[in-house]
């Protein structure tokens, strides 16, 4: 009988890795990095729980690093099979993985220079040549088209609404004998309904087993409209007279923000002002987003009666270090969108170090902040933020825009499930324990389902 083993994202948000075994074949659904607190990041160095060269294929829901970022290490340790994902994700994957390799190298260099690593010398988890190897294995498959990643397993992708290219996976795994296959749905990351720039997630088909994310499973997002909320925060930042710094994921959130801010400016709801996209990866991603324009939903711009746009004379793309440093000369109102989204690295740190002590500065938090990240520390009210070995005083105003969260809350997950008949069992993953347990109680009470929160390494026979 098919077997499902949870190799990551069980009891934690990151490190999505789910292994399906059927008829002697192994298919890995997602292959992400663990992120957040140190004890989680150190899991990336643990021996993979199955031999990488024994995995026949990987099926990837989307490109975010907590779902894809371990792929180069997997290949480095012997994986040589195909990696299947959507066409847009194929175009984004190289940007994400090369950036991750660069970050690995920078972290190792810094650790060796400062001497704080327990490894002598500190080494990167993987290098650019490992990314080269992985990208040669990637295969594009359009949504709604069945494909066979391995003998005895077939899959197809469906719109998940989380970011460009994101999908949930419908899988059929053969049983021994002539019985019908076991049907499994892997949610990946489920996006929000009516989210700017992205289409709504479609409801999943009937299945025997559901593996569902639970990032916000114990709460509901505050009711709001993204344009209205962003308009209010931006005008308040302008009134203060300083810069608005937005820590953003370079792919997905950044493009949403540019689209919404340009819509507000074009409609006259926010004054025209410069916007800097300060991230080489985000700059490159803008071209990928324009290439896949048919996947976007421009409803907000249409309702405002303006032309949809991801660029304009007011949007400056800072790709080189010199272009990034030049932003420091700007005085007065302006908006900087820089990575990383949880403030654990990237160019946002330089802007924060310079402008956090200024009470005219606004820091906009527009996404999930995992425990142990600088973003979470800032949201929790820290008076100082440690950046590059210095404690920077926090005098800036910190604001949140929950309307831009990329993950569905518990009622939106319920809406996504729609009229889905009860699976034989539902497994909740990709959530911290309070969120996963809260979602479990919610589904039990609302739908009467059999729900289980697995732990990492747990294996289940799908009979």
Foldseek 3Di string as FASTA:
>chain_A
DKKKAFFDQFQAQFQGWIWIDFPQAIEIEFGAAQDFAPVRNCVLVDDRPDQLQRHAEYEYQAQDRSGHQSQLLSVVRHHQHAYEFAPLRLVQNLLRNQVLQVVQQVVQVVCQVVVPDPDVRRHGSHHVVSVVSRSVRYDHDHAPDWDASDPQKIKGWFDQFLFVRGTKIWMFGDDPDDDGTFIEIENRFHFFDPAAWAHHGAADAAGQEYEAEQAQQQDAFDDDDLLVVVLVVQVVLQVLFFEEEEADALGGLLQRVLQSVVLCCVLVSHPQAAEEEAEQSSVVNVVSCVVVVVRTDRVSSVVSVHDGDSDDPRYHYHNDPVSLVVVVPDGTYYYYYWDDLQQQDGDSLVVCLPPQVPQSYEYEREEDHHHNTQNVVVVVPDQWGQGPNDTRGGNYHYYYDPSRYSHHHLVRVVVSNPPHDAHQEYEYGSYNVVRSVSNVVVCCVPPVHHYDRDDNRDMDDSD
